[in-house]
Protein backbone atom coordinates (compact mmCIF):
# COMPACT_ATOMS: atom_id res chain seq x y z
CA UNK A 1 108.01 111.11 90.41
CA UNK A 2 108.05 107.44 91.43
CA UNK A 3 104.40 106.83 90.53
CA UNK A 4 104.99 107.96 86.96
CA UNK A 5 107.98 105.66 86.49
CA UNK A 6 106.01 102.74 87.97
CA UNK A 7 103.15 103.51 85.60
CA UNK A 8 105.56 103.59 82.66
CA UNK A 9 107.06 100.26 83.75
CA UNK A 10 103.58 98.73 84.01
CA UNK A 11 102.65 100.02 80.56
CA UNK A 12 105.88 98.58 79.12
CA UNK A 13 105.07 95.19 80.65
CA UNK A 14 101.57 95.25 79.17
CA UNK A 15 102.96 96.16 75.73
CA UNK A 16 105.44 93.29 76.03
CA UNK A 17 102.61 90.94 77.01
CA UNK A 18 100.63 91.96 73.92
CA UNK A 19 103.66 91.28 71.71
CA UNK A 20 104.14 87.87 73.35
CA UNK A 21 100.51 86.94 72.75
CA UNK A 22 100.85 87.92 69.09
CA UNK A 23 104.07 85.92 68.82
CA UNK A 24 102.45 82.92 70.49
CA UNK A 25 99.72 82.93 67.87
CA UNK A 26 102.30 82.38 65.12
CA UNK A 27 104.35 79.63 66.77
CA UNK A 28 103.59 76.10 65.69
CA UNK A 29 102.83 73.49 68.33
CA UNK A 30 105.74 71.36 67.11
CA UNK A 31 108.35 74.10 67.69
CA UNK A 32 109.43 73.08 71.20
CA UNK A 33 112.28 75.60 71.51
CA UNK A 34 110.05 78.54 70.58
CA UNK A 35 107.33 77.36 72.96
CA UNK A 36 109.78 77.02 75.85
CA UNK A 37 111.17 80.48 75.13
CA UNK A 38 107.63 81.89 75.08
CA UNK A 39 106.77 80.23 78.38
CA UNK A 40 109.89 81.73 79.93
CA UNK A 41 109.05 85.19 78.54
CA UNK A 42 105.45 84.96 79.76
CA UNK A 43 106.65 83.96 83.23
CA UNK A 44 109.05 86.91 83.35
CA UNK A 45 106.29 89.35 82.37
CA UNK A 46 103.91 87.74 84.88
CA UNK A 47 106.41 88.23 87.71
CA UNK A 48 106.95 91.85 86.66
CA UNK A 49 103.21 92.51 86.63
CA UNK A 50 102.84 90.89 90.06
CA UNK A 51 105.55 93.23 91.40
CA UNK A 52 103.73 96.22 89.92
CA UNK A 53 100.44 95.05 91.47
CA UNK A 54 102.09 94.68 94.88
CA UNK A 55 103.54 98.18 94.61
CA UNK A 56 100.18 99.65 93.66
CA UNK A 57 98.54 97.79 96.55
CA UNK A 58 101.09 99.29 98.93
CA UNK A 59 100.42 102.77 97.57
CA UNK A 60 96.68 102.25 97.99
CA UNK A 61 97.13 101.15 101.62
CA UNK A 62 99.29 104.20 102.28
CA UNK A 63 96.68 106.49 100.68
CA UNK A 64 93.93 104.87 102.78
CA UNK A 65 95.93 105.42 105.97
CA UNK A 66 96.54 109.06 105.04
CA UNK A 67 92.84 109.57 104.27
CA UNK A 68 91.91 108.09 107.64
CA UNK A 69 94.42 110.34 109.42
CA UNK A 70 93.15 113.43 107.59
CA UNK A 71 89.56 112.56 108.52
CA UNK A 72 90.52 112.12 112.19
CA UNK A 73 92.38 115.43 112.16
CA UNK A 74 89.39 117.15 110.56
CA UNK A 75 86.95 115.74 113.13
CA UNK A 76 89.17 116.76 116.04
CA UNK A 77 89.68 120.26 114.67
CA UNK A 78 85.93 120.72 114.18
CA UNK A 79 85.21 119.44 117.67
CA UNK A 80 87.52 122.10 119.09
CA UNK A 81 85.54 124.86 117.37
CA UNK A 82 82.20 123.83 118.84
CA UNK A 83 80.12 126.25 120.89
CA UNK A 84 80.78 126.13 124.62
CA UNK A 85 78.01 124.54 126.66
CA UNK A 86 76.26 126.78 129.21
């Protein structure tokens, strides 16, 4: 299922972010190459997380639209079962 693979991708990005934070704690402020590499890695993870957030937002909008449609269908089906007026 697509949702499961997206969830796995998001979890992998979060694990990578945790590793980057731990690595950043060990890098000295004078090690310019390491710092630049870390900044690049952080930016890559940030972009990946933003993509995941956008995908989740799209799924939430789709679920909201479906819920609204189901509610409208339910109301119209219940209105059709009402007692006839005399």
